[in-house]
Amino acid sequence: MPQQVRGETLRVAIHAPAPLIRAGLAGFVAMEPRLREVPHDRIREADAIVVAVDVADASVLDLLPGLCDEPDARFLLVVSNQWQADVSAARHRGVRAVVRWDFCSPDVFVRTVRAVAGEDRSEPSARHAPPRRSRDSAQKEQILAASRDRASLSPREAAVLRLIAEGRQCDEIATELSYSERTVRYILYGAMKRMRARNRAHAVSYAIRAGLI
């Protein structure tokens, strides 16, 4: 795998069995001028290899060498549900970051790919690394950071967003749920704020993608 130099275009390979998720990740790459997708038959040229899976477990780690057996291959795992793999084994197989799919916005994706590809040179060298136990603990925190804080919706928020997804307006939702229109707007904006959604469409899209409604 080539040595990445800051400022160069990053070559990204994508392995995602689910067609919709693969299309989404390819779209993230296409949106960023400094990223370029490389086909599977040129995966050895990739600066970062993105692997999207439902559950990250030992079988997924066993898959990685088959995708690219380069000793310095660097993987980003995009996980839909759970992390069940050994952290030290993941690091040994080249996993440098894990992102939950429901938090994988274009901005998060691009920043993580850049870090995985080695643009961020702030990682300490092995000579100055902390003792193994502490380093493994830090790696576990880094890898699992995106998995700890799954967003949730209250039953009221889920009901409001579900009706918005059906095309209902706030006054219609108020009638359906026996709330005031003001209460509906309060519930909606509370959910949007927690999910950091830019607008209603973004909130609905996020909630559907995360399996919250």
N, C-alpha and C. Protein backbone atom coordinates (compact mmCIF):
# COMPACT_ATOMS: atom_id res chain seq x y z
N MET A 1 0.85 -1.19 0.00
CA MET A 1 0.00 0.00 0.00
C MET A 1 0.89 1.24 0.00
N PRO A 2 0.65 2.22 -0.89
CA PRO A 2 1.51 3.39 -0.99
C PRO A 2 1.49 4.23 0.27
N GLN A 3 2.62 4.93 0.52
CA GLN A 3 2.69 5.86 1.64
C GLN A 3 1.89 7.11 1.30
N GLN A 4 0.97 7.50 2.18
CA GLN A 4 0.12 8.65 1.91
C GLN A 4 0.82 9.94 2.32
N VAL A 5 0.76 10.93 1.44
CA VAL A 5 1.33 12.24 1.71
C VAL A 5 0.19 13.23 1.89
N ARG A 6 0.31 14.08 2.92
CA ARG A 6 -0.74 15.05 3.21
C ARG A 6 -0.99 15.92 1.98
N GLY A 7 -2.27 16.11 1.64
CA GLY A 7 -2.63 16.98 0.52
C GLY A 7 -2.91 16.21 -0.76
N GLU A 8 -2.48 14.94 -0.87
CA GLU A 8 -2.75 14.15 -2.05
C GLU A 8 -4.18 13.62 -2.02
N THR A 9 -4.67 13.23 -3.21
CA THR A 9 -5.97 12.57 -3.27
C THR A 9 -5.88 11.20 -2.61
N LEU A 10 -6.85 10.89 -1.78
CA LEU A 10 -6.87 9.61 -1.08
C LEU A 10 -7.64 8.59 -1.90
N ARG A 11 -7.05 7.43 -2.05
CA ARG A 11 -7.69 6.34 -2.78
C ARG A 11 -8.43 5.45 -1.79
N VAL A 12 -9.72 5.24 -2.05
CA VAL A 12 -10.58 4.52 -1.12
C VAL A 12 -11.20 3.32 -1.82
N ALA A 13 -11.08 2.15 -1.22
CA ALA A 13 -11.75 0.95 -1.70
C ALA A 13 -12.92 0.65 -0.78
N ILE A 14 -14.02 0.16 -1.33
CA ILE A 14 -15.22 -0.10 -0.55
C ILE A 14 -15.63 -1.56 -0.72
N HIS A 15 -15.84 -2.23 0.41
CA HIS A 15 -16.40 -3.58 0.40
C HIS A 15 -17.67 -3.54 1.24
N ALA A 16 -18.82 -3.68 0.59
CA ALA A 16 -20.10 -3.62 1.30
C ALA A 16 -21.10 -4.54 0.58
N PRO A 17 -21.38 -5.70 1.14
CA PRO A 17 -22.30 -6.64 0.50
C PRO A 17 -23.71 -6.06 0.28
N ALA A 18 -24.17 -5.19 1.18
CA ALA A 18 -25.51 -4.60 1.04
C ALA A 18 -25.47 -3.49 -0.01
N PRO A 19 -26.21 -3.63 -1.11
CA PRO A 19 -26.13 -2.65 -2.21
C PRO A 19 -26.44 -1.22 -1.80
N LEU A 20 -27.45 -1.03 -0.95
CA LEU A 20 -27.81 0.34 -0.57
C LEU A 20 -26.72 0.99 0.26
N ILE A 21 -26.14 0.24 1.18
CA ILE A 21 -25.07 0.80 2.00
C ILE A 21 -23.85 1.09 1.15
N ARG A 22 -23.56 0.20 0.20
CA ARG A 22 -22.42 0.45 -0.67
C ARG A 22 -22.64 1.71 -1.50
N ALA A 23 -23.87 1.88 -1.99
CA ALA A 23 -24.17 3.07 -2.78
C ALA A 23 -24.02 4.33 -1.93
N GLY A 24 -24.44 4.25 -0.67
CA GLY A 24 -24.30 5.40 0.21
C GLY A 24 -22.85 5.77 0.46
N LEU A 25 -22.02 4.77 0.71
CA LEU A 25 -20.60 5.04 0.96
C LEU A 25 -19.92 5.55 -0.31
N ALA A 26 -20.26 4.97 -1.45
CA ALA A 26 -19.69 5.46 -2.71
C ALA A 26 -20.11 6.91 -2.96
N GLY A 27 -21.33 7.25 -2.54
CA GLY A 27 -21.79 8.63 -2.67
C GLY A 27 -20.99 9.57 -1.81
N PHE A 28 -20.64 9.14 -0.60
CA PHE A 28 -19.81 9.97 0.27
C PHE A 28 -18.45 10.24 -0.38
N VAL A 29 -17.88 9.21 -0.99
CA VAL A 29 -16.58 9.37 -1.66
C VAL A 29 -16.71 10.35 -2.83
N ALA A 30 -17.78 10.18 -3.62
CA ALA A 30 -17.97 11.03 -4.80
C ALA A 30 -18.19 12.49 -4.43
N MET A 31 -18.74 12.74 -3.24
CA MET A 31 -19.02 14.11 -2.81
C MET A 31 -17.76 14.86 -2.40
N GLU A 32 -16.69 14.16 -2.07
CA GLU A 32 -15.47 14.78 -1.56
C GLU A 32 -14.40 14.80 -2.65
N PRO A 33 -13.98 15.98 -3.11
CA PRO A 33 -13.01 16.06 -4.22
C PRO A 33 -11.68 15.37 -3.92
N ARG A 34 -11.32 15.29 -2.64
CA ARG A 34 -10.01 14.72 -2.30
C ARG A 34 -10.06 13.23 -2.05
N LEU A 35 -11.21 12.61 -2.31
CA LEU A 35 -11.31 11.16 -2.22
C LEU A 35 -11.61 10.59 -3.61
N ARG A 36 -11.05 9.44 -3.89
CA ARG A 36 -11.31 8.78 -5.17
C ARG A 36 -11.45 7.28 -4.92
N GLU A 37 -12.56 6.71 -5.39
CA GLU A 37 -12.78 5.29 -5.20
C GLU A 37 -11.96 4.49 -6.22
N VAL A 38 -11.36 3.42 -5.74
CA VAL A 38 -10.64 2.50 -6.62
C VAL A 38 -11.41 1.19 -6.68
N PRO A 39 -11.42 0.51 -7.82
CA PRO A 39 -12.16 -0.75 -7.95
C PRO A 39 -11.52 -1.86 -7.13
N HIS A 40 -12.28 -2.92 -6.96
CA HIS A 40 -11.83 -4.02 -6.11
C HIS A 40 -10.56 -4.66 -6.62
N ASP A 41 -10.39 -4.72 -7.95
CA ASP A 41 -9.19 -5.37 -8.47
C ASP A 41 -7.93 -4.52 -8.30
N ARG A 42 -8.10 -3.29 -7.77
CA ARG A 42 -6.95 -2.44 -7.48
C ARG A 42 -6.92 -2.08 -5.99
N ILE A 43 -7.46 -2.96 -5.17
CA ILE A 43 -7.59 -2.67 -3.75
C ILE A 43 -6.24 -2.46 -3.07
N ARG A 44 -5.17 -3.05 -3.62
CA ARG A 44 -3.85 -2.88 -3.03
C ARG A 44 -3.35 -1.44 -3.14
N GLU A 45 -3.94 -0.66 -4.06
CA GLU A 45 -3.54 0.73 -4.22
C GLU A 45 -4.25 1.66 -3.24
N ALA A 46 -5.25 1.14 -2.53
CA ALA A 46 -6.07 1.98 -1.67
C ALA A 46 -5.30 2.46 -0.45
N ASP A 47 -5.49 3.73 -0.10
CA ASP A 47 -4.93 4.28 1.13
C ASP A 47 -5.78 3.90 2.33
N ALA A 48 -7.08 3.65 2.09
CA ALA A 48 -7.99 3.21 3.15
C ALA A 48 -9.01 2.27 2.53
N ILE A 49 -9.30 1.19 3.22
CA ILE A 49 -10.27 0.21 2.75
C ILE A 49 -11.46 0.24 3.69
N VAL A 50 -12.61 0.60 3.17
CA VAL A 50 -13.84 0.71 3.96
C VAL A 50 -14.61 -0.59 3.83
N VAL A 51 -14.90 -1.21 4.97
CA VAL A 51 -15.63 -2.47 4.99
C VAL A 51 -16.91 -2.27 5.81
N ALA A 52 -18.05 -2.42 5.17
CA ALA A 52 -19.33 -2.22 5.85
C ALA A 52 -19.94 -3.58 6.18
N VAL A 53 -20.25 -3.79 7.45
CA VAL A 53 -20.80 -5.06 7.91
C VAL A 53 -21.95 -4.80 8.87
N ASP A 54 -22.76 -5.84 9.07
CA ASP A 54 -23.86 -5.72 10.03
C ASP A 54 -23.33 -5.82 11.45
N VAL A 55 -22.62 -6.90 11.74
CA VAL A 55 -22.02 -7.13 13.05
C VAL A 55 -20.53 -7.37 12.87
N ALA A 56 -19.70 -6.68 13.62
CA ALA A 56 -18.26 -6.87 13.56
C ALA A 56 -17.87 -7.96 14.55
N ASP A 57 -17.49 -9.12 14.03
CA ASP A 57 -17.09 -10.22 14.90
C ASP A 57 -15.82 -10.87 14.35
N ALA A 58 -15.46 -12.02 14.90
CA ALA A 58 -14.22 -12.68 14.49
C ALA A 58 -14.24 -13.06 13.01
N SER A 59 -15.41 -13.43 12.49
CA SER A 59 -15.49 -13.81 11.08
C SER A 59 -15.19 -12.63 10.17
N VAL A 60 -15.56 -11.43 10.59
CA VAL A 60 -15.25 -10.23 9.80
C VAL A 60 -13.75 -9.98 9.81
N LEU A 61 -13.11 -10.14 10.96
CA LEU A 61 -11.65 -9.97 11.02
C LEU A 61 -10.94 -10.99 10.14
N ASP A 62 -11.48 -12.21 10.08
CA ASP A 62 -10.89 -13.23 9.21
C ASP A 62 -11.06 -12.87 7.74
N LEU A 63 -12.08 -12.08 7.43
CA LEU A 63 -12.32 -11.67 6.04
C LEU A 63 -11.29 -10.67 5.53
N LEU A 64 -10.75 -9.85 6.42
CA LEU A 64 -9.91 -8.73 6.00
C LEU A 64 -8.67 -9.14 5.22
N PRO A 65 -7.90 -10.14 5.65
CA PRO A 65 -6.71 -10.50 4.87
C PRO A 65 -7.06 -10.97 3.46
N GLY A 66 -8.25 -11.56 3.29
CA GLY A 66 -8.68 -11.98 1.96
C GLY A 66 -9.00 -10.81 1.05
N LEU A 67 -9.40 -9.70 1.64
CA LEU A 67 -9.66 -8.50 0.84
C LEU A 67 -8.36 -7.85 0.41
N CYS A 68 -7.42 -7.76 1.34
CA CYS A 68 -6.11 -7.18 1.02
C CYS A 68 -5.09 -7.74 2.02
N ASP A 69 -4.09 -8.45 1.49
CA ASP A 69 -3.11 -9.07 2.37
C ASP A 69 -1.84 -8.24 2.51
N GLU A 70 -1.89 -6.96 2.06
CA GLU A 70 -0.75 -6.08 2.26
C GLU A 70 -0.50 -5.90 3.76
N PRO A 71 0.74 -5.96 4.21
CA PRO A 71 1.00 -5.86 5.66
C PRO A 71 0.61 -4.52 6.27
N ASP A 72 0.57 -3.46 5.45
CA ASP A 72 0.22 -2.15 5.99
C ASP A 72 -1.18 -1.71 5.55
N ALA A 73 -2.04 -2.66 5.17
CA ALA A 73 -3.41 -2.31 4.80
C ALA A 73 -4.12 -1.68 5.99
N ARG A 74 -4.90 -0.64 5.73
CA ARG A 74 -5.57 0.11 6.79
C ARG A 74 -7.08 0.08 6.53
N PHE A 75 -7.83 -0.45 7.48
CA PHE A 75 -9.26 -0.68 7.31
C PHE A 75 -10.09 0.26 8.19
N LEU A 76 -11.19 0.72 7.64
CA LEU A 76 -12.24 1.40 8.39
C LEU A 76 -13.47 0.51 8.35
N LEU A 77 -13.96 0.09 9.52
CA LEU A 77 -15.16 -0.71 9.59
C LEU A 77 -16.37 0.19 9.84
N VAL A 78 -17.39 0.04 9.00
CA VAL A 78 -18.67 0.71 9.20
C VAL A 78 -19.65 -0.37 9.66
N VAL A 79 -20.11 -0.26 10.89
CA VAL A 79 -20.88 -1.33 11.53
C VAL A 79 -22.32 -0.88 11.72
N SER A 80 -23.25 -1.73 11.30
CA SER A 80 -24.66 -1.39 11.43
C SER A 80 -25.20 -1.67 12.83
N ASN A 81 -24.78 -2.76 13.44
CA ASN A 81 -25.37 -3.14 14.72
C ASN A 81 -24.37 -3.22 15.87
N GLN A 82 -23.58 -4.29 15.94
CA GLN A 82 -22.80 -4.52 17.15
C GLN A 82 -21.32 -4.75 16.86
N TRP A 83 -20.49 -4.44 17.87
CA TRP A 83 -19.08 -4.78 17.86
C TRP A 83 -18.90 -5.98 18.78
N GLN A 84 -18.45 -7.10 18.22
CA GLN A 84 -18.27 -8.31 19.01
C GLN A 84 -16.87 -8.90 18.83
N ALA A 85 -15.97 -8.15 18.23
CA ALA A 85 -14.63 -8.66 17.94
C ALA A 85 -13.64 -8.26 19.03
N ASP A 86 -12.56 -9.00 19.11
CA ASP A 86 -11.47 -8.66 20.03
C ASP A 86 -10.73 -7.44 19.50
N VAL A 87 -10.55 -6.44 20.34
CA VAL A 87 -9.96 -5.18 19.90
C VAL A 87 -8.50 -5.36 19.47
N SER A 88 -7.75 -6.11 20.24
CA SER A 88 -6.34 -6.31 19.87
C SER A 88 -6.23 -7.05 18.55
N ALA A 89 -7.08 -8.04 18.33
CA ALA A 89 -7.07 -8.78 17.06
C ALA A 89 -7.44 -7.86 15.91
N ALA A 90 -8.40 -6.97 16.14
CA ALA A 90 -8.82 -6.03 15.10
C ALA A 90 -7.67 -5.11 14.72
N ARG A 91 -6.99 -4.61 15.72
CA ARG A 91 -5.84 -3.74 15.46
C ARG A 91 -4.76 -4.49 14.69
N HIS A 92 -4.52 -5.72 15.06
CA HIS A 92 -3.50 -6.53 14.40
C HIS A 92 -3.86 -6.77 12.93
N ARG A 93 -5.15 -6.87 12.63
CA ARG A 93 -5.60 -7.10 11.25
C ARG A 93 -5.66 -5.82 10.43
N GLY A 94 -5.32 -4.69 11.03
CA GLY A 94 -5.29 -3.45 10.27
C GLY A 94 -6.46 -2.53 10.47
N VAL A 95 -7.35 -2.86 11.39
CA VAL A 95 -8.50 -1.98 11.66
C VAL A 95 -8.01 -0.75 12.41
N ARG A 96 -8.25 0.42 11.85
CA ARG A 96 -7.80 1.66 12.46
C ARG A 96 -8.93 2.53 12.98
N ALA A 97 -10.17 2.21 12.62
CA ALA A 97 -11.31 2.99 13.12
C ALA A 97 -12.59 2.20 12.86
N VAL A 98 -13.59 2.47 13.69
CA VAL A 98 -14.92 1.89 13.52
C VAL A 98 -15.94 3.01 13.64
N VAL A 99 -16.89 3.04 12.72
CA VAL A 99 -17.95 4.04 12.76
C VAL A 99 -19.29 3.33 12.68
N ARG A 100 -20.22 3.70 13.56
CA ARG A 100 -21.57 3.18 13.46
C ARG A 100 -22.26 3.79 12.25
N TRP A 101 -22.98 2.95 11.48
CA TRP A 101 -23.63 3.43 10.26
C TRP A 101 -24.61 4.56 10.56
N ASP A 102 -25.31 4.49 11.68
CA ASP A 102 -26.30 5.52 11.96
C ASP A 102 -25.67 6.85 12.36
N PHE A 103 -24.35 6.88 12.57
CA PHE A 103 -23.65 8.14 12.82
C PHE A 103 -22.69 8.49 11.69
N CYS A 104 -22.76 7.74 10.59
CA CYS A 104 -21.78 7.91 9.51
C CYS A 104 -22.27 8.97 8.52
N SER A 105 -22.21 10.23 8.93
CA SER A 105 -22.53 11.33 8.03
C SER A 105 -21.38 11.52 7.04
N PRO A 106 -21.60 12.24 5.95
CA PRO A 106 -20.49 12.48 5.01
C PRO A 106 -19.28 13.10 5.68
N ASP A 107 -19.49 14.05 6.59
CA ASP A 107 -18.37 14.71 7.25
C ASP A 107 -17.60 13.73 8.13
N VAL A 108 -18.32 12.94 8.92
CA VAL A 108 -17.67 11.94 9.77
C VAL A 108 -16.91 10.94 8.91
N PHE A 109 -17.51 10.51 7.81
CA PHE A 109 -16.87 9.53 6.93
C PHE A 109 -15.55 10.07 6.37
N VAL A 110 -15.59 11.30 5.85
CA VAL A 110 -14.39 11.86 5.22
C VAL A 110 -13.29 12.04 6.26
N ARG A 111 -13.62 12.59 7.42
CA ARG A 111 -12.61 12.81 8.45
C ARG A 111 -12.00 11.48 8.92
N THR A 112 -12.84 10.46 9.04
CA THR A 112 -12.33 9.17 9.51
C THR A 112 -11.46 8.52 8.45
N VAL A 113 -11.88 8.59 7.19
CA VAL A 113 -11.06 8.02 6.11
C VAL A 113 -9.69 8.69 6.08
N ARG A 114 -9.65 10.01 6.23
CA ARG A 114 -8.36 10.71 6.23
C ARG A 114 -7.47 10.24 7.38
N ALA A 115 -8.07 10.05 8.54
CA ALA A 115 -7.28 9.59 9.68
C ALA A 115 -6.78 8.17 9.46
N VAL A 116 -7.65 7.31 8.94
CA VAL A 116 -7.26 5.92 8.68
C VAL A 116 -6.15 5.85 7.65
N ALA A 117 -6.22 6.71 6.62
CA ALA A 117 -5.23 6.70 5.55
C ALA A 117 -3.88 7.21 6.00
N GLY A 118 -3.84 7.85 7.17
CA GLY A 118 -2.56 8.29 7.70
C GLY A 118 -2.28 9.76 7.54
N GLU A 119 -3.28 10.55 7.16
CA GLU A 119 -3.05 12.00 7.08
C GLU A 119 -2.80 12.58 8.45
N ASP A 120 -3.44 11.99 9.48
CA ASP A 120 -3.23 12.46 10.84
C ASP A 120 -2.00 11.76 11.39
N ARG A 121 -0.89 12.48 11.51
CA ARG A 121 0.36 11.89 11.97
C ARG A 121 0.56 12.02 13.47
N SER A 122 -0.50 12.31 14.21
CA SER A 122 -0.36 12.57 15.65
C SER A 122 -0.24 11.29 16.46
N GLU A 123 -0.45 10.11 15.84
CA GLU A 123 -0.36 8.86 16.59
C GLU A 123 1.06 8.65 17.08
N PRO A 124 1.29 8.36 18.36
CA PRO A 124 2.64 8.21 18.89
C PRO A 124 3.34 7.02 18.26
N SER A 125 4.65 7.13 18.14
CA SER A 125 5.44 6.03 17.60
C SER A 125 5.50 4.91 18.61
N ALA A 126 5.87 3.70 18.14
CA ALA A 126 5.94 2.55 19.04
C ALA A 126 6.99 2.78 20.12
N ARG A 127 8.06 3.53 19.79
CA ARG A 127 9.14 3.72 20.75
C ARG A 127 8.66 4.51 21.96
N HIS A 128 7.69 5.41 21.75
CA HIS A 128 7.21 6.23 22.86
C HIS A 128 5.81 5.81 23.30
N ALA A 129 5.38 4.61 22.89
CA ALA A 129 4.03 4.17 23.23
C ALA A 129 3.96 3.80 24.70
N PRO A 130 2.76 3.90 25.30
CA PRO A 130 2.58 3.50 26.69
C PRO A 130 2.64 1.99 26.81
N PRO A 131 2.67 1.45 28.03
CA PRO A 131 2.69 0.00 28.22
C PRO A 131 1.52 -0.66 27.49
N ARG A 132 1.66 -1.94 27.16
CA ARG A 132 0.71 -2.63 26.31
C ARG A 132 -0.70 -2.59 26.86
N ARG A 133 -0.86 -2.80 28.16
CA ARG A 133 -2.20 -2.82 28.73
C ARG A 133 -2.89 -1.48 28.51
N SER A 134 -2.18 -0.36 28.76
CA SER A 134 -2.77 0.96 28.57
C SER A 134 -3.06 1.23 27.11
N ARG A 135 -2.14 0.80 26.22
CA ARG A 135 -2.35 1.05 24.80
C ARG A 135 -3.57 0.30 24.30
N ASP A 136 -3.72 -0.97 24.72
CA ASP A 136 -4.89 -1.73 24.31
C ASP A 136 -6.17 -1.09 24.81
N SER A 137 -6.12 -0.57 26.04
CA SER A 137 -7.30 0.10 26.59
C SER A 137 -7.65 1.32 25.77
N ALA A 138 -6.63 2.11 25.39
CA ALA A 138 -6.87 3.31 24.59
C ALA A 138 -7.41 2.94 23.22
N GLN A 139 -6.88 1.87 22.62
CA GLN A 139 -7.36 1.45 21.32
C GLN A 139 -8.82 1.01 21.41
N LYS A 140 -9.15 0.32 22.49
CA LYS A 140 -10.54 -0.12 22.66
C LYS A 140 -11.47 1.08 22.75
N GLU A 141 -11.04 2.10 23.49
CA GLU A 141 -11.86 3.30 23.59
C GLU A 141 -12.04 3.96 22.22
N GLN A 142 -10.96 4.02 21.46
CA GLN A 142 -11.02 4.66 20.14
C GLN A 142 -11.92 3.89 19.21
N ILE A 143 -11.78 2.57 19.17
CA ILE A 143 -12.52 1.76 18.23
C ILE A 143 -14.00 1.70 18.58
N LEU A 144 -14.31 1.67 19.89
CA LEU A 144 -15.70 1.52 20.30
C LEU A 144 -16.40 2.86 20.54
N ALA A 145 -15.69 3.97 20.33
CA ALA A 145 -16.27 5.28 20.66
C ALA A 145 -17.58 5.51 19.91
N ALA A 146 -17.62 5.10 18.66
CA ALA A 146 -18.82 5.35 17.85
C ALA A 146 -19.95 4.39 18.17
N SER A 147 -19.69 3.37 19.01
CA SER A 147 -20.69 2.36 19.28
C SER A 147 -21.41 2.56 20.61
N ARG A 148 -20.94 3.50 21.43
CA ARG A 148 -21.47 3.59 22.79
C ARG A 148 -22.76 4.39 22.88
N ASP A 149 -22.90 5.38 22.03
CA ASP A 149 -23.94 6.38 22.25
C ASP A 149 -25.04 6.31 21.20
N ARG A 150 -25.68 5.17 21.08
CA ARG A 150 -26.76 5.02 20.11
C ARG A 150 -27.89 5.97 20.47
N ALA A 151 -28.32 6.73 19.48
CA ALA A 151 -29.40 7.67 19.70
C ALA A 151 -30.70 6.91 19.97
N SER A 152 -31.59 7.50 20.72
CA SER A 152 -32.89 6.89 20.98
C SER A 152 -33.96 7.96 20.88
N LEU A 153 -35.18 7.52 20.67
CA LEU A 153 -36.32 8.42 20.60
C LEU A 153 -37.34 8.00 21.65
N SER A 154 -38.01 8.98 22.22
CA SER A 154 -39.12 8.66 23.10
C SER A 154 -40.28 8.18 22.23
N PRO A 155 -41.26 7.48 22.82
CA PRO A 155 -42.42 7.04 22.04
C PRO A 155 -43.12 8.20 21.33
N ARG A 156 -43.20 9.36 21.99
CA ARG A 156 -43.85 10.52 21.35
C ARG A 156 -43.05 11.01 20.16
N GLU A 157 -41.72 11.07 20.31
CA GLU A 157 -40.88 11.54 19.21
C GLU A 157 -40.95 10.58 18.03
N ALA A 158 -40.92 9.27 18.33
CA ALA A 158 -41.00 8.28 17.26
C ALA A 158 -42.33 8.40 16.52
N ALA A 159 -43.42 8.61 17.26
CA ALA A 159 -44.74 8.72 16.63
C ALA A 159 -44.81 9.94 15.72
N VAL A 160 -44.27 11.06 16.19
CA VAL A 160 -44.30 12.29 15.39
C VAL A 160 -43.46 12.13 14.12
N LEU A 161 -42.27 11.61 14.25
CA LEU A 161 -41.40 11.44 13.08
C LEU A 161 -41.98 10.42 12.11
N ARG A 162 -42.63 9.40 12.63
CA ARG A 162 -43.24 8.40 11.75
C ARG A 162 -44.34 9.03 10.91
N LEU A 163 -45.13 9.90 11.50
CA LEU A 163 -46.19 10.56 10.76
C LEU A 163 -45.64 11.59 9.78
N ILE A 164 -44.55 12.27 10.16
CA ILE A 164 -43.91 13.19 9.22
C ILE A 164 -43.38 12.41 8.02
N ALA A 165 -42.85 11.22 8.28
CA ALA A 165 -42.36 10.39 7.18
C ALA A 165 -43.48 10.01 6.23
N GLU A 166 -44.72 9.98 6.73
CA GLU A 166 -45.87 9.67 5.89
C GLU A 166 -46.41 10.90 5.17
N GLY A 167 -45.76 12.05 5.40
CA GLY A 167 -46.17 13.26 4.70
C GLY A 167 -47.17 14.13 5.44
N ARG A 168 -47.41 13.83 6.71
CA ARG A 168 -48.38 14.61 7.48
C ARG A 168 -47.80 15.96 7.90
N GLN A 169 -48.65 16.96 8.02
CA GLN A 169 -48.28 18.26 8.53
C GLN A 169 -48.50 18.30 10.04
N CYS A 170 -47.93 19.32 10.69
CA CYS A 170 -48.01 19.38 12.16
C CYS A 170 -49.44 19.44 12.66
N ASP A 171 -50.32 20.17 11.96
CA ASP A 171 -51.70 20.25 12.42
C ASP A 171 -52.41 18.90 12.29
N GLU A 172 -52.08 18.14 11.24
CA GLU A 172 -52.66 16.81 11.07
C GLU A 172 -52.15 15.85 12.15
N ILE A 173 -50.86 15.98 12.46
CA ILE A 173 -50.28 15.12 13.49
C ILE A 173 -50.90 15.43 14.85
N ALA A 174 -51.13 16.71 15.11
CA ALA A 174 -51.75 17.11 16.38
C ALA A 174 -53.13 16.46 16.53
N THR A 175 -53.90 16.46 15.46
CA THR A 175 -55.23 15.83 15.49
C THR A 175 -55.11 14.33 15.68
N GLU A 176 -54.17 13.71 14.96
CA GLU A 176 -53.99 12.25 15.03
C GLU A 176 -53.60 11.80 16.43
N LEU A 177 -52.70 12.57 17.09
CA LEU A 177 -52.17 12.15 18.39
C LEU A 177 -52.86 12.83 19.57
N SER A 178 -53.82 13.66 19.29
CA SER A 178 -54.56 14.39 20.34
C SER A 178 -53.64 15.30 21.15
N TYR A 179 -52.70 15.94 20.44
CA TYR A 179 -51.84 16.95 21.04
C TYR A 179 -52.22 18.30 20.46
N SER A 180 -51.71 19.37 21.09
CA SER A 180 -51.79 20.67 20.45
C SER A 180 -50.72 20.75 19.37
N GLU A 181 -50.92 21.62 18.41
CA GLU A 181 -49.91 21.78 17.36
C GLU A 181 -48.59 22.27 17.96
N ARG A 182 -48.68 23.11 18.99
CA ARG A 182 -47.48 23.61 19.65
C ARG A 182 -46.70 22.45 20.27
N THR A 183 -47.41 21.52 20.89
CA THR A 183 -46.75 20.37 21.49
C THR A 183 -46.06 19.52 20.44
N VAL A 184 -46.70 19.34 19.30
CA VAL A 184 -46.11 18.56 18.21
C VAL A 184 -44.79 19.21 17.76
N ARG A 185 -44.81 20.52 17.61
CA ARG A 185 -43.60 21.22 17.18
C ARG A 185 -42.50 21.11 18.25
N TYR A 186 -42.89 21.18 19.50
CA TYR A 186 -41.92 21.05 20.59
C TYR A 186 -41.27 19.66 20.57
N ILE A 187 -42.10 18.64 20.39
CA ILE A 187 -41.58 17.26 20.32
C ILE A 187 -40.64 17.12 19.14
N LEU A 188 -41.05 17.65 17.99
CA LEU A 188 -40.25 17.53 16.78
C LEU A 188 -38.90 18.22 16.93
N TYR A 189 -38.90 19.43 17.42
CA TYR A 189 -37.65 20.18 17.54
C TYR A 189 -36.73 19.55 18.59
N GLY A 190 -37.32 18.96 19.64
CA GLY A 190 -36.51 18.26 20.63
C GLY A 190 -35.78 17.07 20.02
N ALA A 191 -36.49 16.32 19.19
CA ALA A 191 -35.87 15.17 18.51
C ALA A 191 -34.80 15.63 17.54
N MET A 192 -35.08 16.70 16.80
CA MET A 192 -34.11 17.22 15.84
C MET A 192 -32.84 17.68 16.54
N LYS A 193 -32.99 18.34 17.68
CA LYS A 193 -31.83 18.84 18.40
C LYS A 193 -30.97 17.69 18.89
N ARG A 194 -31.59 16.64 19.43
CA ARG A 194 -30.82 15.51 19.94
C ARG A 194 -30.09 14.79 18.82
N MET A 195 -30.73 14.69 17.65
CA MET A 195 -30.09 14.00 16.52
C MET A 195 -29.21 14.93 15.69
N ARG A 196 -29.17 16.22 16.08
CA ARG A 196 -28.39 17.21 15.36
C ARG A 196 -28.79 17.29 13.89
N ALA A 197 -30.09 17.17 13.66
CA ALA A 197 -30.62 17.21 12.30
C ALA A 197 -30.80 18.66 11.84
N ARG A 198 -30.51 18.89 10.58
CA ARG A 198 -30.60 20.25 10.03
C ARG A 198 -32.03 20.66 9.75
N ASN A 199 -32.89 19.71 9.43
CA ASN A 199 -34.28 20.01 9.11
C ASN A 199 -35.11 18.74 9.33
N ARG A 200 -36.41 18.83 9.04
CA ARG A 200 -37.28 17.67 9.27
C ARG A 200 -36.89 16.49 8.40
N ALA A 201 -36.58 16.75 7.15
CA ALA A 201 -36.23 15.66 6.24
C ALA A 201 -34.98 14.93 6.73
N HIS A 202 -34.01 15.72 7.21
CA HIS A 202 -32.79 15.12 7.74
C HIS A 202 -33.12 14.27 8.97
N ALA A 203 -34.00 14.75 9.84
CA ALA A 203 -34.37 14.01 11.04
C ALA A 203 -35.05 12.70 10.68
N VAL A 204 -35.97 12.74 9.72
CA VAL A 204 -36.67 11.53 9.31
C VAL A 204 -35.71 10.54 8.67
N SER A 205 -34.84 11.04 7.80
CA SER A 205 -33.86 10.17 7.14
C SER A 205 -32.96 9.50 8.16
N TYR A 206 -32.47 10.28 9.12
CA TYR A 206 -31.60 9.75 10.17
C TYR A 206 -32.33 8.66 10.96
N ALA A 207 -33.56 8.96 11.36
CA ALA A 207 -34.30 8.02 12.20
C ALA A 207 -34.59 6.71 11.47
N ILE A 208 -34.90 6.81 10.18
CA ILE A 208 -35.16 5.59 9.40
C ILE A 208 -33.87 4.78 9.26
N ARG A 209 -32.76 5.46 8.92
CA ARG A 209 -31.49 4.79 8.72
C ARG A 209 -31.02 4.12 10.01
N ALA A 210 -31.31 4.75 11.14
CA ALA A 210 -30.87 4.21 12.42
C ALA A 210 -31.83 3.17 12.98
N GLY A 211 -32.95 2.93 12.25
CA GLY A 211 -33.92 1.95 12.73
C GLY A 211 -34.71 2.42 13.93
N LEU A 212 -34.85 3.73 14.09
CA LEU A 212 -35.54 4.28 15.26
C LEU A 212 -37.02 4.45 15.02
N ILE A 213 -37.45 4.45 13.76
CA ILE A 213 -38.89 4.53 13.45
C ILE A 213 -39.22 3.50 12.39
